[in-house]
N, C-alpha and C. Protein backbone atom coordinates (compact mmCIF):
# COMPACT_ATOMS: atom_id res chain seq x y z
N MET A 1 0.84 -1.17 0.00
CA MET A 1 0.00 0.00 0.00
C MET A 1 0.89 1.24 0.00
N ALA A 2 0.52 2.22 -0.79
CA ALA A 2 1.29 3.46 -0.87
C ALA A 2 1.07 4.30 0.37
N CYS A 3 2.10 5.02 0.74
CA CYS A 3 2.01 5.93 1.89
C CYS A 3 1.07 7.08 1.52
N PRO A 4 0.12 7.45 2.40
CA PRO A 4 -0.82 8.51 2.06
C PRO A 4 -0.21 9.90 2.06
N TYR A 5 0.99 10.03 2.59
CA TYR A 5 1.64 11.33 2.64
C TYR A 5 2.88 11.33 1.74
N PRO A 6 3.13 12.43 1.07
CA PRO A 6 4.34 12.51 0.24
C PRO A 6 5.58 12.64 1.11
N PRO A 7 6.74 12.39 0.54
CA PRO A 7 7.97 12.59 1.32
C PRO A 7 8.06 14.04 1.79
N ILE A 8 8.73 14.26 2.91
CA ILE A 8 8.86 15.61 3.48
C ILE A 8 9.49 16.58 2.49
N SER A 9 10.35 16.07 1.63
CA SER A 9 11.02 16.95 0.67
C SER A 9 10.11 17.42 -0.45
N SER A 10 8.91 16.87 -0.53
CA SER A 10 7.97 17.25 -1.58
C SER A 10 7.58 18.72 -1.43
N PRO A 11 7.50 19.45 -2.54
CA PRO A 11 7.08 20.85 -2.45
C PRO A 11 5.61 20.99 -2.05
N HIS A 12 4.86 19.90 -2.13
CA HIS A 12 3.44 19.93 -1.78
C HIS A 12 3.15 19.29 -0.43
N ALA A 13 4.17 19.01 0.36
CA ALA A 13 3.99 18.32 1.64
C ALA A 13 3.03 19.08 2.55
N GLY A 14 3.17 20.39 2.64
CA GLY A 14 2.29 21.19 3.49
C GLY A 14 0.84 21.11 3.04
N CYS A 15 0.64 21.09 1.74
CA CYS A 15 -0.71 20.98 1.17
C CYS A 15 -1.36 19.67 1.60
N TYR A 16 -0.64 18.57 1.44
CA TYR A 16 -1.18 17.26 1.79
C TYR A 16 -1.46 17.17 3.29
N GLU A 17 -0.58 17.71 4.09
CA GLU A 17 -0.77 17.67 5.54
C GLU A 17 -2.01 18.46 5.95
N GLU A 18 -2.19 19.63 5.36
CA GLU A 18 -3.34 20.46 5.70
C GLU A 18 -4.64 19.78 5.27
N LEU A 19 -4.65 19.20 4.07
CA LEU A 19 -5.84 18.49 3.61
C LEU A 19 -6.11 17.24 4.44
N ALA A 20 -5.06 16.54 4.84
CA ALA A 20 -5.24 15.35 5.68
C ALA A 20 -5.84 15.74 7.03
N ARG A 21 -5.38 16.84 7.62
CA ARG A 21 -5.95 17.30 8.90
C ARG A 21 -7.44 17.63 8.73
N LEU A 22 -7.77 18.27 7.61
CA LEU A 22 -9.17 18.60 7.34
C LEU A 22 -10.01 17.34 7.21
N VAL A 23 -9.53 16.36 6.49
CA VAL A 23 -10.27 15.11 6.31
C VAL A 23 -10.47 14.41 7.65
N TYR A 24 -9.44 14.35 8.47
CA TYR A 24 -9.58 13.71 9.78
C TYR A 24 -10.58 14.47 10.65
N GLU A 25 -10.58 15.78 10.57
CA GLU A 25 -11.54 16.58 11.34
C GLU A 25 -12.96 16.30 10.86
N LEU A 26 -13.14 16.17 9.54
CA LEU A 26 -14.46 15.84 9.00
C LEU A 26 -14.91 14.45 9.45
N LEU A 27 -13.99 13.50 9.47
CA LEU A 27 -14.33 12.16 9.94
C LEU A 27 -14.70 12.18 11.43
N ASP A 28 -13.96 12.94 12.22
CA ASP A 28 -14.29 13.07 13.64
C ASP A 28 -15.66 13.73 13.83
N ALA A 29 -15.96 14.71 13.01
CA ALA A 29 -17.26 15.38 13.11
C ALA A 29 -18.39 14.40 12.81
N HIS A 30 -18.16 13.53 11.84
CA HIS A 30 -19.16 12.52 11.53
C HIS A 30 -19.37 11.59 12.73
N SER A 31 -18.29 11.16 13.34
CA SER A 31 -18.37 10.29 14.52
C SER A 31 -19.09 11.00 15.67
N ASP A 32 -18.78 12.28 15.86
CA ASP A 32 -19.44 13.06 16.91
C ASP A 32 -20.94 13.15 16.66
N THR A 33 -21.32 13.34 15.40
CA THR A 33 -22.74 13.42 15.06
C THR A 33 -23.43 12.10 15.39
N GLN A 34 -22.80 11.00 15.02
CA GLN A 34 -23.39 9.69 15.30
C GLN A 34 -23.51 9.47 16.81
N ARG A 35 -22.51 9.88 17.56
CA ARG A 35 -22.55 9.73 19.02
C ARG A 35 -23.70 10.55 19.62
N LEU A 36 -23.89 11.78 19.12
CA LEU A 36 -24.98 12.61 19.62
C LEU A 36 -26.34 11.96 19.34
N VAL A 37 -26.47 11.34 18.18
CA VAL A 37 -27.72 10.65 17.84
C VAL A 37 -27.92 9.46 18.79
N ASP A 38 -26.88 8.67 18.95
CA ASP A 38 -26.97 7.47 19.79
C ASP A 38 -27.28 7.80 21.24
N GLU A 39 -26.74 8.90 21.72
CA GLU A 39 -26.93 9.29 23.13
C GLU A 39 -28.19 10.12 23.35
N GLN A 40 -28.92 10.38 22.27
CA GLN A 40 -30.12 11.22 22.35
C GLN A 40 -29.80 12.51 23.12
N SER A 41 -28.82 13.21 22.61
CA SER A 41 -28.30 14.42 23.26
C SER A 41 -29.36 15.51 23.36
N ASN A 42 -29.10 16.45 24.28
CA ASN A 42 -30.05 17.53 24.51
C ASN A 42 -29.88 18.65 23.48
N GLU A 43 -30.78 19.59 23.53
CA GLU A 43 -30.83 20.68 22.55
C GLU A 43 -29.55 21.53 22.57
N LEU A 44 -29.02 21.80 23.74
CA LEU A 44 -27.80 22.60 23.83
C LEU A 44 -26.63 21.89 23.14
N GLN A 45 -26.49 20.61 23.40
CA GLN A 45 -25.41 19.85 22.76
C GLN A 45 -25.54 19.90 21.24
N TRP A 46 -26.77 19.78 20.73
CA TRP A 46 -26.98 19.84 19.29
C TRP A 46 -26.65 21.22 18.73
N HIS A 47 -27.07 22.27 19.43
CA HIS A 47 -26.76 23.63 18.96
C HIS A 47 -25.25 23.85 18.90
N LEU A 48 -24.55 23.41 19.92
CA LEU A 48 -23.09 23.55 19.92
C LEU A 48 -22.46 22.75 18.79
N HIS A 49 -22.94 21.56 18.58
CA HIS A 49 -22.40 20.72 17.51
C HIS A 49 -22.68 21.32 16.14
N LEU A 50 -23.89 21.85 15.95
CA LEU A 50 -24.22 22.47 14.66
C LEU A 50 -23.37 23.70 14.40
N ASP A 51 -23.08 24.47 15.45
CA ASP A 51 -22.18 25.62 15.30
C ASP A 51 -20.79 25.14 14.88
N TYR A 52 -20.33 24.06 15.51
CA TYR A 52 -19.04 23.46 15.16
C TYR A 52 -19.03 23.01 13.70
N LEU A 53 -20.10 22.36 13.25
CA LEU A 53 -20.17 21.90 11.86
C LEU A 53 -20.16 23.08 10.88
N LYS A 54 -20.84 24.14 11.23
CA LYS A 54 -20.84 25.34 10.36
C LYS A 54 -19.43 25.92 10.27
N ASP A 55 -18.74 26.00 11.40
CA ASP A 55 -17.36 26.51 11.40
C ASP A 55 -16.45 25.58 10.60
N LEU A 56 -16.66 24.28 10.74
CA LEU A 56 -15.85 23.31 10.00
C LEU A 56 -16.11 23.43 8.50
N GLN A 57 -17.35 23.66 8.12
CA GLN A 57 -17.68 23.85 6.71
C GLN A 57 -16.96 25.09 6.16
N ARG A 58 -17.02 26.17 6.92
CA ARG A 58 -16.34 27.41 6.50
C ARG A 58 -14.85 27.17 6.35
N LEU A 59 -14.25 26.51 7.35
CA LEU A 59 -12.82 26.22 7.31
C LEU A 59 -12.48 25.33 6.12
N GLY A 60 -13.30 24.31 5.88
CA GLY A 60 -13.06 23.42 4.75
C GLY A 60 -13.08 24.17 3.42
N ARG A 61 -14.03 25.06 3.27
CA ARG A 61 -14.10 25.86 2.03
C ARG A 61 -12.87 26.76 1.89
N GLU A 62 -12.43 27.34 3.00
CA GLU A 62 -11.24 28.20 2.96
C GLU A 62 -9.99 27.41 2.60
N VAL A 63 -9.83 26.24 3.21
CA VAL A 63 -8.66 25.41 2.93
C VAL A 63 -8.65 24.98 1.47
N LEU A 64 -9.79 24.53 0.97
CA LEU A 64 -9.85 24.11 -0.42
C LEU A 64 -9.59 25.26 -1.38
N ALA A 65 -10.15 26.43 -1.09
CA ALA A 65 -9.92 27.60 -1.94
C ALA A 65 -8.44 27.98 -1.94
N GLN A 66 -7.82 27.91 -0.77
CA GLN A 66 -6.40 28.24 -0.67
C GLN A 66 -5.56 27.25 -1.47
N GLN A 67 -5.89 25.97 -1.38
CA GLN A 67 -5.13 24.95 -2.10
C GLN A 67 -5.29 25.12 -3.61
N ILE A 68 -6.50 25.45 -4.04
CA ILE A 68 -6.73 25.68 -5.48
C ILE A 68 -5.91 26.88 -5.94
N GLU A 69 -5.92 27.94 -5.16
CA GLU A 69 -5.17 29.15 -5.51
C GLU A 69 -3.67 28.88 -5.55
N ASN A 70 -3.17 28.08 -4.61
CA ASN A 70 -1.74 27.76 -4.55
C ASN A 70 -1.27 26.91 -5.72
N HIS A 71 -2.18 26.21 -6.37
CA HIS A 71 -1.78 25.31 -7.44
C HIS A 71 -2.10 25.86 -8.83
N ARG A 72 -2.41 27.13 -8.89
CA ARG A 72 -2.66 27.76 -10.20
C ARG A 72 -1.37 28.21 -10.81
């Protein structure tokens, strides 16, 4: 299996690391959502989680836009 990260000497190493962090955060957010459903969480917990998801969406769009701009 190929290594998911490029060698450190790669000029795109920072790009891959930033995108990998974003993907892991998205995966964690999915797990958190499932946990909230399973635990039948209260309204406050859901509001906080939804705020977190909105911030994560904004961050994801910013990271992707930055990566697209860097590769033009």
